[in-house]
Amino acid sequence: MTDSFSRGRRRRRSARGGQHQQLREPGSAGDTPIARSAPEYKAKILAEYETLGKQGKGALLRREGLYWSLITNWRQQRDKGAEAALPALAG
């Protein structure tokens, strides 16, 4: 059996006819994994990233398959959202 990666999902090729079966990510809870574009995922990763030291940040980026520039974009999105919510709270 060989492992191959297709569209970010881990699949295992079976011995019969090359059919693929879906494998769950280790530690995933439930049947549907959180999409990387989901706000919950972004908030979770940002919170974890900001608590880590330099080596831990690099390890997190490697583990999740992310780039530093993406973290920067997510921070900007988060900050814009927080600024947009302020006038609504005041008024």
N, C-alpha and C. Protein backbone atom coordinates (compact mmCIF):
# COMPACT_ATOMS: atom_id res chain seq x y z
N MET A 1 0.83 -1.18 0.00
CA MET A 1 0.00 0.00 0.00
C MET A 1 0.88 1.24 0.00
N THR A 2 0.49 2.23 -0.76
CA THR A 2 1.24 3.47 -0.79
C THR A 2 0.32 4.60 -0.39
N ASP A 3 0.90 5.60 0.26
CA ASP A 3 0.14 6.79 0.63
C ASP A 3 0.36 7.84 -0.44
N SER A 4 -0.67 8.58 -0.74
CA SER A 4 -0.54 9.71 -1.64
C SER A 4 -1.39 10.84 -1.11
N PHE A 5 -1.03 12.04 -1.48
CA PHE A 5 -1.77 13.20 -1.03
C PHE A 5 -2.47 13.82 -2.23
N SER A 6 -3.74 14.12 -2.07
CA SER A 6 -4.53 14.68 -3.15
C SER A 6 -5.41 15.78 -2.60
N ARG A 7 -5.20 16.99 -3.08
CA ARG A 7 -5.99 18.14 -2.66
C ARG A 7 -6.00 18.32 -1.15
N GLY A 8 -4.87 18.13 -0.52
CA GLY A 8 -4.75 18.36 0.91
C GLY A 8 -5.37 17.30 1.80
N ARG A 9 -5.93 16.26 1.23
CA ARG A 9 -6.53 15.19 2.03
C ARG A 9 -5.68 13.95 1.92
N ARG A 10 -5.49 13.29 3.01
CA ARG A 10 -4.68 12.08 3.01
C ARG A 10 -5.53 10.91 2.53
N ARG A 11 -5.01 10.18 1.58
CA ARG A 11 -5.73 9.03 1.05
C ARG A 11 -4.77 7.85 1.00
N ARG A 12 -5.33 6.68 1.11
CA ARG A 12 -4.54 5.46 1.02
C ARG A 12 -5.02 4.67 -0.18
N ARG A 13 -4.09 4.26 -1.01
CA ARG A 13 -4.43 3.47 -2.19
C ARG A 13 -4.54 2.02 -1.77
N SER A 14 -5.64 1.41 -2.12
CA SER A 14 -5.83 0.01 -1.75
C SER A 14 -5.15 -0.89 -2.77
N ALA A 15 -4.98 -2.13 -2.40
CA ALA A 15 -4.33 -3.10 -3.29
C ALA A 15 -5.24 -3.48 -4.45
N ARG A 16 -6.55 -3.30 -4.29
CA ARG A 16 -7.51 -3.69 -5.33
C ARG A 16 -7.84 -2.50 -6.22
N GLY A 17 -7.42 -2.54 -7.46
CA GLY A 17 -7.87 -1.60 -8.47
C GLY A 17 -7.50 -0.15 -8.24
N GLY A 18 -6.65 0.17 -7.30
CA GLY A 18 -6.23 1.55 -7.08
C GLY A 18 -7.32 2.46 -6.52
N GLN A 19 -8.34 1.90 -5.89
CA GLN A 19 -9.38 2.72 -5.31
C GLN A 19 -8.84 3.43 -4.07
N HIS A 20 -9.36 4.62 -3.81
CA HIS A 20 -8.91 5.42 -2.66
C HIS A 20 -9.96 5.38 -1.57
N GLN A 21 -9.49 5.37 -0.35
CA GLN A 21 -10.41 5.51 0.77
C GLN A 21 -9.95 6.68 1.62
N GLN A 22 -10.88 7.43 2.14
CA GLN A 22 -10.60 8.62 2.93
C GLN A 22 -10.08 8.22 4.30
N LEU A 23 -9.02 8.86 4.76
CA LEU A 23 -8.50 8.65 6.11
C LEU A 23 -8.74 9.90 6.93
N ARG A 24 -9.05 9.72 8.19
CA ARG A 24 -9.22 10.87 9.08
C ARG A 24 -7.86 11.36 9.54
N GLU A 25 -7.78 12.64 9.74
CA GLU A 25 -6.56 13.21 10.29
C GLU A 25 -6.43 12.78 11.75
N PRO A 26 -5.22 12.54 12.21
CA PRO A 26 -5.04 12.15 13.61
C PRO A 26 -5.56 13.25 14.55
N GLY A 27 -6.31 12.87 15.54
CA GLY A 27 -6.81 13.82 16.52
C GLY A 27 -8.03 14.59 16.07
N SER A 28 -8.61 14.25 14.94
CA SER A 28 -9.79 14.99 14.49
C SER A 28 -11.01 14.50 15.25
N ALA A 29 -11.82 15.43 15.65
CA ALA A 29 -13.04 15.08 16.39
C ALA A 29 -14.22 15.24 15.46
N GLY A 30 -14.93 14.18 15.23
CA GLY A 30 -16.11 14.25 14.38
C GLY A 30 -15.81 13.84 12.96
N ASP A 31 -16.85 13.87 12.15
CA ASP A 31 -16.72 13.42 10.77
C ASP A 31 -16.24 14.51 9.83
N THR A 32 -16.49 15.78 10.15
CA THR A 32 -16.13 16.85 9.24
C THR A 32 -15.01 17.69 9.84
N PRO A 33 -13.85 17.71 9.19
CA PRO A 33 -12.76 18.54 9.69
C PRO A 33 -13.07 20.02 9.43
N ILE A 34 -12.48 20.90 10.22
CA ILE A 34 -12.67 22.33 10.05
C ILE A 34 -11.87 22.77 8.82
N ALA A 35 -12.52 23.48 7.92
CA ALA A 35 -11.83 23.97 6.73
C ALA A 35 -10.84 25.06 7.13
N ARG A 36 -9.74 25.13 6.40
CA ARG A 36 -8.71 26.12 6.73
C ARG A 36 -9.20 27.55 6.53
N SER A 37 -10.24 27.74 5.76
CA SER A 37 -10.77 29.09 5.56
C SER A 37 -11.81 29.46 6.61
N ALA A 38 -12.17 28.53 7.48
CA ALA A 38 -13.19 28.79 8.49
C ALA A 38 -12.65 29.75 9.55
N PRO A 39 -13.47 30.71 9.97
CA PRO A 39 -13.03 31.66 10.99
C PRO A 39 -12.59 30.99 12.29
N GLU A 40 -13.24 29.86 12.65
CA GLU A 40 -12.86 29.18 13.89
C GLU A 40 -11.43 28.65 13.80
N TYR A 41 -11.08 28.11 12.64
CA TYR A 41 -9.73 27.58 12.44
C TYR A 41 -8.70 28.71 12.51
N LYS A 42 -9.00 29.82 11.83
CA LYS A 42 -8.08 30.95 11.82
C LYS A 42 -7.87 31.48 13.24
N ALA A 43 -8.95 31.64 13.99
CA ALA A 43 -8.85 32.16 15.36
C ALA A 43 -8.05 31.21 16.24
N LYS A 44 -8.28 29.91 16.09
CA LYS A 44 -7.55 28.91 16.89
C LYS A 44 -6.05 28.97 16.59
N ILE A 45 -5.70 29.01 15.32
CA ILE A 45 -4.29 29.04 14.93
C ILE A 45 -3.64 30.34 15.38
N LEU A 46 -4.31 31.48 15.21
CA LEU A 46 -3.74 32.76 15.64
C LEU A 46 -3.52 32.78 17.15
N ALA A 47 -4.48 32.30 17.91
CA ALA A 47 -4.34 32.28 19.37
C ALA A 47 -3.15 31.41 19.78
N GLU A 48 -3.02 30.26 19.16
CA GLU A 48 -1.91 29.36 19.48
C GLU A 48 -0.58 29.98 19.05
N TYR A 49 -0.55 30.56 17.86
CA TYR A 49 0.67 31.14 17.30
C TYR A 49 1.20 32.26 18.19
N GLU A 50 0.31 33.09 18.70
CA GLU A 50 0.72 34.24 19.49
C GLU A 50 1.22 33.86 20.89
N THR A 51 0.96 32.64 21.34
CA THR A 51 1.45 32.23 22.65
C THR A 51 2.81 31.54 22.57
N LEU A 52 3.26 31.21 21.36
CA LEU A 52 4.48 30.41 21.18
C LEU A 52 5.72 31.28 21.01
N GLY A 53 6.87 30.67 21.30
CA GLY A 53 8.16 31.29 21.03
C GLY A 53 8.54 31.09 19.57
N LYS A 54 9.73 31.54 19.22
CA LYS A 54 10.17 31.49 17.83
C LYS A 54 10.18 30.06 17.26
N GLN A 55 10.75 29.12 18.00
CA GLN A 55 10.81 27.74 17.52
C GLN A 55 9.43 27.11 17.45
N GLY A 56 8.60 27.41 18.43
CA GLY A 56 7.24 26.88 18.45
C GLY A 56 6.40 27.40 17.29
N LYS A 57 6.62 28.67 16.94
CA LYS A 57 5.89 29.24 15.80
C LYS A 57 6.26 28.53 14.51
N GLY A 58 7.55 28.29 14.32
CA GLY A 58 7.99 27.57 13.12
C GLY A 58 7.42 26.16 13.08
N ALA A 59 7.39 25.51 14.23
CA ALA A 59 6.85 24.15 14.29
C ALA A 59 5.35 24.14 13.95
N LEU A 60 4.62 25.13 14.46
CA LEU A 60 3.19 25.23 14.17
C LEU A 60 2.96 25.43 12.68
N LEU A 61 3.72 26.32 12.07
CA LEU A 61 3.56 26.58 10.64
C LEU A 61 3.85 25.33 9.81
N ARG A 62 4.89 24.59 10.19
CA ARG A 62 5.21 23.36 9.47
C ARG A 62 4.13 22.30 9.66
N ARG A 63 3.66 22.16 10.91
CA ARG A 63 2.64 21.15 11.22
C ARG A 63 1.35 21.40 10.45
N GLU A 64 0.96 22.66 10.34
CA GLU A 64 -0.30 23.01 9.69
C GLU A 64 -0.13 23.25 8.19
N GLY A 65 1.11 23.31 7.72
CA GLY A 65 1.35 23.55 6.29
C GLY A 65 1.02 24.98 5.88
N LEU A 66 1.31 25.93 6.76
CA LEU A 66 0.98 27.33 6.52
C LEU A 66 2.25 28.16 6.31
N TYR A 67 2.07 29.34 5.72
CA TYR A 67 3.17 30.29 5.55
C TYR A 67 2.97 31.45 6.51
N TRP A 68 4.07 32.11 6.85
CA TRP A 68 4.03 33.24 7.77
C TRP A 68 3.16 34.36 7.20
N SER A 69 3.22 34.56 5.88
CA SER A 69 2.43 35.63 5.26
C SER A 69 0.93 35.40 5.45
N LEU A 70 0.51 34.16 5.51
CA LEU A 70 -0.90 33.86 5.74
C LEU A 70 -1.31 34.27 7.15
N ILE A 71 -0.44 34.04 8.11
CA ILE A 71 -0.70 34.47 9.50
C ILE A 71 -0.85 35.99 9.54
N THR A 72 0.01 36.70 8.81
CA THR A 72 -0.06 38.16 8.75
C THR A 72 -1.40 38.61 8.17
N ASN A 73 -1.83 37.96 7.09
CA ASN A 73 -3.13 38.31 6.49
C ASN A 73 -4.28 38.03 7.44
N TRP A 74 -4.22 36.91 8.16
CA TRP A 74 -5.28 36.58 9.11
C TRP A 74 -5.33 37.60 10.25
N ARG A 75 -4.17 38.07 10.70
CA ARG A 75 -4.14 39.11 11.75
C ARG A 75 -4.82 40.38 11.25
N GLN A 76 -4.50 40.77 10.03
CA GLN A 76 -5.11 41.98 9.46
C GLN A 76 -6.62 41.83 9.34
N GLN A 77 -7.08 40.66 8.91
CA GLN A 77 -8.51 40.41 8.83
C GLN A 77 -9.16 40.49 10.20
N ARG A 78 -8.50 39.90 11.20
CA ARG A 78 -9.04 39.92 12.56
C ARG A 78 -9.12 41.35 13.08
N ASP A 79 -8.07 42.13 12.85
CA ASP A 79 -8.04 43.51 13.34
C ASP A 79 -9.08 44.38 12.64
N LYS A 80 -9.28 44.18 11.35
CA LYS A 80 -10.31 44.93 10.61
C LYS A 80 -11.69 44.59 11.15
N GLY A 81 -11.91 43.32 11.43
CA GLY A 81 -13.19 42.90 11.98
C GLY A 81 -13.45 43.49 13.34
N ALA A 82 -12.42 43.59 14.16
CA ALA A 82 -12.55 44.16 15.50
C ALA A 82 -12.83 45.67 15.40
N GLU A 83 -12.16 46.35 14.47
CA GLU A 83 -12.39 47.79 14.28
C GLU A 83 -13.80 48.06 13.76
N ALA A 84 -14.28 47.20 12.87
CA ALA A 84 -15.62 47.38 12.32
C ALA A 84 -16.69 47.15 13.38
N ALA A 85 -16.41 46.35 14.37
CA ALA A 85 -17.39 46.06 15.42
C ALA A 85 -17.47 47.18 16.45
N LEU A 86 -16.43 47.99 16.60
CA LEU A 86 -16.42 49.04 17.61
C LEU A 86 -17.53 50.07 17.44
N PRO A 87 -17.73 50.67 16.26
CA PRO A 87 -18.82 51.65 16.13
C PRO A 87 -20.19 51.05 16.40
N ALA A 88 -20.40 49.80 16.06
CA ALA A 88 -21.68 49.15 16.29
C ALA A 88 -21.94 49.01 17.80
N LEU A 89 -20.90 48.80 18.57
CA LEU A 89 -21.07 48.66 20.02
C LEU A 89 -21.34 50.01 20.67
N ALA A 90 -20.75 51.08 20.15
CA ALA A 90 -20.88 52.39 20.76
C ALA A 90 -22.26 53.00 20.53
N GLY A 91 -22.89 52.62 19.45
CA GLY A 91 -24.07 53.34 19.07
C GLY A 91 -25.36 52.78 19.27
